[in-house]
């Protein structure tokens, strides 16, 4: 299962690819994405990170990042 990290002018969106629905790139997406602030790579403030939830449940079947 694959994920896409897509930078926009205002945030970074993390979306599941080939999911049961087509995700929209906003907070009104059907999956009810989670938003949080993260430090910018250049150290100049923060950006929004918007993490979408899959409808196929892949988060529960993927190994942890440390593996």
PDB file of N, CA and C in Angstrom:
ATOM      1  N   UNK A   1       0.848  -1.169   0.000  1.00  0.00           N
ATOM      2  CA  UNK A   1       0.000   0.000   0.000  1.00  0.00           C
ATOM      3  C   UNK A   1       0.895   1.235   0.000  1.00  0.00           C
ATOM      4  N   UNK A   2       0.502   2.229  -0.760  1.00  0.00           N
ATOM      5  CA  UNK A   2       1.351   3.398  -0.918  1.00  0.00           C
ATOM      6  C   UNK A   2       0.672   4.660  -0.399  1.00  0.00           C
ATOM      7  N   UNK A   3       1.528   5.628  -0.041  1.00  0.00           N
ATOM      8  CA  UNK A   3       1.098   6.933   0.432  1.00  0.00           C
ATOM      9  C   UNK A   3       1.799   7.988  -0.396  1.00  0.00           C
ATOM     10  N   UNK A   4       1.187   9.158  -0.494  1.00  0.00           N
ATOM     11  CA  UNK A   4       1.762  10.285  -1.220  1.00  0.00           C
ATOM     12  C   UNK A   4       1.866  11.472  -0.266  1.00  0.00           C
ATOM     13  N   UNK A   5       3.039  12.096  -0.217  1.00  0.00           N
ATOM     14  CA  UNK A   5       3.214  13.356   0.518  1.00  0.00           C
ATOM     15  C   UNK A   5       3.265  14.462  -0.522  1.00  0.00           C
ATOM     16  N   UNK A   6       2.266  15.342  -0.515  1.00  0.00           N
ATOM     17  CA  UNK A   6       2.123  16.387  -1.536  1.00  0.00           C
ATOM     18  C   UNK A   6       2.204  17.760  -0.887  1.00  0.00           C
ATOM     19  N   UNK A   7       3.211  18.549  -1.267  1.00  0.00           N
ATOM     20  CA  UNK A   7       3.332  19.916  -0.769  1.00  0.00           C
ATOM     21  C   UNK A   7       2.414  20.838  -1.556  1.00  0.00           C
ATOM     22  N   UNK A   8       1.736  21.742  -0.840  1.00  0.00           N
ATOM     23  CA  UNK A   8       0.934  22.789  -1.462  1.00  0.00           C
ATOM     24  C   UNK A   8       1.505  24.126  -1.005  1.00  0.00           C
ATOM     25  N   UNK A   9       0.869  25.212  -1.375  1.00  0.00           N
ATOM     26  CA  UNK A   9       1.329  26.531  -0.942  1.00  0.00           C
ATOM     27  C   UNK A   9       1.178  26.737   0.562  1.00  0.00           C
ATOM     28  N   UNK A  10       0.267  25.990   1.192  1.00  0.00           N
ATOM     29  CA  UNK A  10      -0.073  26.240   2.593  1.00  0.00           C
ATOM     30  C   UNK A  10       0.251  25.094   3.535  1.00  0.00           C
ATOM     31  N   UNK A  11       0.489  23.883   2.986  1.00  0.00           N
ATOM     32  CA  UNK A  11       0.662  22.737   3.863  1.00  0.00           C
ATOM     33  C   UNK A  11       1.294  21.569   3.112  1.00  0.00           C
ATOM     34  N   UNK A  12       1.449  20.463   3.826  1.00  0.00           N
ATOM     35  CA  UNK A  12       1.830  19.194   3.224  1.00  0.00           C
ATOM     36  C   UNK A  12       0.715  18.212   3.507  1.00  0.00           C
ATOM     37  N   UNK A  13       0.210  17.573   2.470  1.00  0.00           N
ATOM     38  CA  UNK A  13      -0.875  16.607   2.581  1.00  0.00           C
ATOM     39  C   UNK A  13      -0.297  15.203   2.435  1.00  0.00           C
ATOM     40  N   UNK A  14      -0.651  14.297   3.343  1.00  0.00           N
ATOM     41  CA  UNK A  14      -0.254  12.893   3.241  1.00  0.00           C
ATOM     42  C   UNK A  14      -1.522  12.102   2.943  1.00  0.00           C
ATOM     43  N   UNK A  15      -1.558  11.502   1.728  1.00  0.00           N
ATOM     44  CA  UNK A  15      -2.771  10.844   1.240  1.00  0.00           C
ATOM     45  C   UNK A  15      -2.500   9.387   0.884  1.00  0.00           C
ATOM     46  N   UNK A  16      -3.444   8.482   1.177  1.00  0.00           N
ATOM     47  CA  UNK A  16      -3.296   7.105   0.736  1.00  0.00           C
ATOM     48  C   UNK A  16      -3.604   6.994  -0.762  1.00  0.00           C
ATOM     49  N   UNK A  17      -2.729   6.294  -1.492  1.00  0.00           N
ATOM     50  CA  UNK A  17      -2.956   6.080  -2.922  1.00  0.00           C
ATOM     51  C   UNK A  17      -3.806   4.835  -3.133  1.00  0.00           C
ATOM     52  N   UNK A  18      -4.625   4.856  -4.166  1.00  0.00           N
ATOM     53  CA  UNK A  18      -5.465   3.709  -4.549  1.00  0.00           C
ATOM     54  C   UNK A  18      -6.368   3.271  -3.398  1.00  0.00           C
ATOM     55  N   UNK A  19      -6.976   4.235  -2.724  1.00  0.00           N
ATOM     56  CA  UNK A  19      -7.876   3.960  -1.606  1.00  0.00           C
ATOM     57  C   UNK A  19      -9.291   3.719  -2.133  1.00  0.00           C
ATOM     58  N   UNK A  20     -10.205   3.433  -1.235  1.00  0.00           N
ATOM     59  CA  UNK A  20     -11.595   3.171  -1.596  1.00  0.00           C
ATOM     60  C   UNK A  20     -12.316   4.430  -2.086  1.00  0.00           C
ATOM     61  N   UNK A  21     -11.780   5.618  -1.763  1.00  0.00           N
ATOM     62  CA  UNK A  21     -12.359   6.887  -2.220  1.00  0.00           C
ATOM     63  C   UNK A  21     -11.272   7.751  -2.829  1.00  0.00           C
ATOM     64  N   UNK A  22     -11.667   8.782  -3.546  1.00  0.00           N
ATOM     65  CA  UNK A  22     -10.748   9.817  -4.023  1.00  0.00           C
ATOM     66  C   UNK A  22     -10.701  10.895  -2.943  1.00  0.00           C
ATOM     67  N   UNK A  23      -9.540  11.142  -2.380  1.00  0.00           N
ATOM     68  CA  UNK A  23      -9.402  12.121  -1.306  1.00  0.00           C
ATOM     69  C   UNK A  23      -9.299  13.526  -1.886  1.00  0.00           C
ATOM     70  N   UNK A  24      -9.905  14.497  -1.184  1.00  0.00           N
ATOM     71  CA  UNK A  24      -9.769  15.903  -1.575  1.00  0.00           C
ATOM     72  C   UNK A  24      -8.665  16.515  -0.729  1.00  0.00           C
ATOM     73  N   UNK A  25      -7.962  17.481  -1.299  1.00  0.00           N
ATOM     74  CA  UNK A  25      -6.801  18.067  -0.630  1.00  0.00           C
ATOM     75  C   UNK A  25      -7.207  19.227   0.282  1.00  0.00           C
ATOM     76  N   UNK A  26      -8.107  18.964   1.221  1.00  0.00           N
ATOM     77  CA  UNK A  26      -8.521  19.982   2.176  1.00  0.00           C
ATOM     78  C   UNK A  26      -9.024  19.322   3.450  1.00  0.00           C
ATOM     79  N   UNK A  27      -9.335  20.136   4.454  1.00  0.00           N
ATOM     80  CA  UNK A  27      -9.812  19.610   5.734  1.00  0.00           C
ATOM     81  C   UNK A  27     -11.218  19.038   5.655  1.00  0.00           C
ATOM     82  N   UNK A  28     -11.927  19.271   4.540  1.00  0.00           N
ATOM     83  CA  UNK A  28     -13.287  18.769   4.390  1.00  0.00           C
ATOM     84  C   UNK A  28     -13.341  17.393   3.737  1.00  0.00           C
ATOM     85  N   UNK A  29     -12.200  16.732   3.574  1.00  0.00           N
ATOM     86  CA  UNK A  29     -12.157  15.419   2.949  1.00  0.00           C
ATOM     87  C   UNK A  29     -13.034  14.438   3.742  1.00  0.00           C
ATOM     88  N   UNK A  30     -13.667  13.528   3.040  1.00  0.00           N
ATOM     89  CA  UNK A  30     -14.560  12.538   3.642  1.00  0.00           C
ATOM     90  C   UNK A  30     -13.883  11.709   4.734  1.00  0.00           C
ATOM     91  N   UNK A  31     -12.564  11.513   4.648  1.00  0.00           N
ATOM     92  CA  UNK A  31     -11.858  10.659   5.614  1.00  0.00           C
ATOM     93  C   UNK A  31     -11.645  11.333   6.965  1.00  0.00           C
ATOM     94  N   UNK A  32     -11.898  12.640   7.072  1.00  0.00           N
ATOM     95  CA  UNK A  32     -11.690  13.368   8.331  1.00  0.00           C
ATOM     96  C   UNK A  32     -10.227  13.457   8.700  1.00  0.00           C
ATOM     97  N   UNK A  33      -9.405  14.100   7.856  1.00  0.00           N
ATOM     98  CA  UNK A  33      -7.962  14.137   8.097  1.00  0.00           C
ATOM     99  C   UNK A  33      -7.589  14.834   9.399  1.00  0.00           C
ATOM    100  N   UNK A  34      -6.430  14.465   9.902  1.00  0.00           N
ATOM    101  CA  UNK A  34      -5.863  15.040  11.122  1.00  0.00           C
ATOM    102  C   UNK A  34      -4.852  16.109  10.715  1.00  0.00           C
ATOM    103  N   UNK A  35      -4.920  17.293  11.312  1.00  0.00           N
ATOM    104  CA  UNK A  35      -3.989  18.383  10.999  1.00  0.00           C
ATOM    105  C   UNK A  35      -3.165  18.729  12.232  1.00  0.00           C
ATOM    106  N   UNK A  36      -1.879  19.002  11.990  1.00  0.00           N
ATOM    107  CA  UNK A  36      -1.007  19.433  13.079  1.00  0.00           C
ATOM    108  C   UNK A  36       0.060  20.362  12.508  1.00  0.00           C
ATOM    109  N   UNK A  37       0.617  21.187  13.381  1.00  0.00           N
ATOM    110  CA  UNK A  37       1.706  22.053  12.945  1.00  0.00           C
ATOM    111  C   UNK A  37       3.026  21.327  13.145  1.00  0.00           C
ATOM    112  N   UNK A  38       3.948  21.545  12.206  1.00  0.00           N
ATOM    113  CA  UNK A  38       5.285  20.938  12.266  1.00  0.00           C
ATOM    114  C   UNK A  38       6.312  22.017  11.949  1.00  0.00           C
ATOM    115  N   UNK A  39       7.524  21.894  12.493  1.00  0.00           N
ATOM    116  CA  UNK A  39       8.567  22.879  12.178  1.00  0.00           C
ATOM    117  C   UNK A  39       8.950  22.817  10.704  1.00  0.00           C
ATOM    118  N   UNK A  40       9.193  23.971  10.113  1.00  0.00           N
ATOM    119  CA  UNK A  40       9.665  24.022   8.725  1.00  0.00           C
ATOM    120  C   UNK A  40      11.096  23.523   8.648  1.00  0.00           C
ATOM    121  N   UNK A  41      11.465  22.938   7.524  1.00  0.00           N
ATOM    122  CA  UNK A  41      12.818  22.407   7.333  1.00  0.00           C
ATOM    123  C   UNK A  41      13.870  23.511   7.396  1.00  0.00           C
ATOM    124  N   UNK A  42      13.488  24.739   6.993  1.00  0.00           N
ATOM    125  CA  UNK A  42      14.449  25.843   7.004  1.00  0.00           C
ATOM    126  C   UNK A  42      14.535  26.532   8.364  1.00  0.00           C
ATOM    127  N   UNK A  43      13.768  26.047   9.346  1.00  0.00           N
ATOM    128  CA  UNK A  43      13.812  26.616  10.689  1.00  0.00           C
ATOM    129  C   UNK A  43      13.069  27.920  10.854  1.00  0.00           C
ATOM    130  N   UNK A  44      12.343  28.357   9.830  1.00  0.00           N
ATOM    131  CA  UNK A  44      11.644  29.647   9.856  1.00  0.00           C
ATOM    132  C   UNK A  44      10.149  29.450  10.077  1.00  0.00           C
ATOM    133  N   UNK A  45       9.778  29.071  11.289  1.00  0.00           N
ATOM    134  CA  UNK A  45       8.366  28.940  11.604  1.00  0.00           C
ATOM    135  C   UNK A  45       7.857  27.522  11.470  1.00  0.00           C
ATOM    136  N   UNK A  46       6.531  27.425  11.240  1.00  0.00           N
ATOM    137  CA  UNK A  46       5.876  26.125  11.145  1.00  0.00           C
ATOM    138  C   UNK A  46       5.008  26.049   9.895  1.00  0.00           C
ATOM    139  N   UNK A  47       4.670  24.837   9.522  1.00  0.00           N
ATOM    140  CA  UNK A  47       3.730  24.548   8.431  1.00  0.00           C
ATOM    141  C   UNK A  47       2.675  23.590   8.954  1.00  0.00           C
ATOM    142  N   UNK A  48       1.605  23.448   8.205  1.00  0.00           N
ATOM    143  CA  UNK A  48       0.578  22.470   8.531  1.00  0.00           C
ATOM    144  C   UNK A  48       0.916  21.149   7.867  1.00  0.00           C
ATOM    145  N   UNK A  49       0.716  20.063   8.599  1.00  0.00           N
ATOM    146  CA  UNK A  49       0.806  18.713   8.072  1.00  0.00           C
ATOM    147  C   UNK A  49      -0.592  18.128   8.176  1.00  0.00           C
ATOM    148  N   UNK A  50      -1.178  17.747   7.042  1.00  0.00           N
ATOM    149  CA  UNK A  50      -2.536  17.203   7.005  1.00  0.00           C
ATOM    150  C   UNK A  50      -2.429  15.729   6.643  1.00  0.00           C
ATOM    151  N   UNK A  51      -2.792  14.858   7.577  1.00  0.00           N
ATOM    152  CA  UNK A  51      -2.678  13.419   7.377  1.00  0.00           C
ATOM    153  C   UNK A  51      -4.072  12.839   7.163  1.00  0.00           C
ATOM    154  N   UNK A  52      -4.283  12.292   5.976  1.00  0.00           N
ATOM    155  CA  UNK A  52      -5.571  11.679   5.636  1.00  0.00           C
ATOM    156  C   UNK A  52      -5.609  10.246   6.150  1.00  0.00           C
ATOM    157  N   UNK A  53      -6.805   9.763   6.419  1.00  0.00           N
ATOM    158  CA  UNK A  53      -7.018   8.395   6.887  1.00  0.00           C
ATOM    159  C   UNK A  53      -7.505   7.560   5.711  1.00  0.00           C
ATOM    160  N   UNK A  54      -6.989   6.349   5.609  1.00  0.00           N
ATOM    161  CA  UNK A  54      -7.457   5.483   4.524  1.00  0.00           C
ATOM    162  C   UNK A  54      -8.806   4.886   4.906  1.00  0.00           C
ATOM    163  N   UNK A  55      -9.619   4.614   3.902  1.00  0.00           N
ATOM    164  CA  UNK A  55     -10.872   3.933   4.160  1.00  0.00           C
ATOM    165  C   UNK A  55     -10.714   2.424   4.041  1.00  0.00           C
ATOM    166  N   UNK A  56      -9.572   1.962   3.516  1.00  0.00           N
ATOM    167  CA  UNK A  56      -9.330   0.524   3.430  1.00  0.00           C
ATOM    168  C   UNK A  56      -8.608  -0.022   4.658  1.00  0.00           C
ATOM    169  N   UNK A  57      -8.278   0.838   5.637  1.00  0.00           N
ATOM    170  CA  UNK A  57      -7.698   0.403   6.905  1.00  0.00           C
ATOM    171  C   UNK A  57      -6.231   0.031   6.859  1.00  0.00           C
ATOM    172  N   UNK A  58      -5.515   0.490   5.859  1.00  0.00           N
ATOM    173  CA  UNK A  58      -4.108   0.095   5.705  1.00  0.00           C
ATOM    174  C   UNK A  58      -3.222   0.485   6.883  1.00  0.00           C
ATOM    175  N   UNK A  59      -3.596   1.532   7.611  1.00  0.00           N
ATOM    176  CA  UNK A  59      -2.782   1.947   8.764  1.00  0.00           C
ATOM    177  C   UNK A  59      -2.656   0.828   9.803  1.00  0.00           C
ATOM    178  N   UNK A  60      -3.670  -0.024   9.882  1.00  0.00           N
ATOM    179  CA  UNK A  60      -3.704  -1.066  10.893  1.00  0.00           C
ATOM    180  C   UNK A  60      -2.957  -2.330  10.472  1.00  0.00           C
ATOM    181  N   UNK A  61      -2.551  -2.401   9.203  1.00  0.00           N
ATOM    182  CA  UNK A  61      -1.902  -3.605   8.694  1.00  0.00           C
ATOM    183  C   UNK A  61      -0.465  -3.361   8.246  1.00  0.00           C
ATOM    184  N   UNK A  62       0.003  -2.119   8.289  1.00  0.00           N
ATOM    185  CA  UNK A  62       1.353  -1.803   7.868  1.00  0.00           C
ATOM    186  C   UNK A  62       2.314  -1.953   9.041  1.00  0.00           C
ATOM    187  N   UNK A  63       3.549  -2.384   8.765  1.00  0.00           N
ATOM    188  CA  UNK A  63       4.518  -2.494   9.861  1.00  0.00           C
ATOM    189  C   UNK A  63       4.927  -1.098  10.334  1.00  0.00           C
ATOM    190  N   UNK A  64       5.375  -0.963  11.571  1.00  0.00           N
ATOM    191  CA  UNK A  64       5.861   0.329  12.063  1.00  0.00           C
ATOM    192  C   UNK A  64       7.042   0.809  11.219  1.00  0.00           C
ATOM    193  N   UNK A  65       7.273   2.123  11.203  1.00  0.00           N
ATOM    194  CA  UNK A  65       8.354   2.701  10.411  1.00  0.00           C
ATOM    195  C   UNK A  65       9.723   2.147  10.809  1.00  0.00           C
ATOM    196  N   UNK A  66       9.893   1.723  12.051  1.00  0.00           N
ATOM    197  CA  UNK A  66      11.193   1.260  12.531  1.00  0.00           C
ATOM    198  C   UNK A  66      11.579  -0.099  11.959  1.00  0.00           C
ATOM    199  N   UNK A  67      10.637  -0.827  11.373  1.00  0.00           N
ATOM    200  CA  UNK A  67      10.954  -2.149  10.812  1.00  0.00           C
ATOM    201  C   UNK A  67      11.448  -2.054   9.404  1.00  0.00           C
TER     202      UNK A  67
END
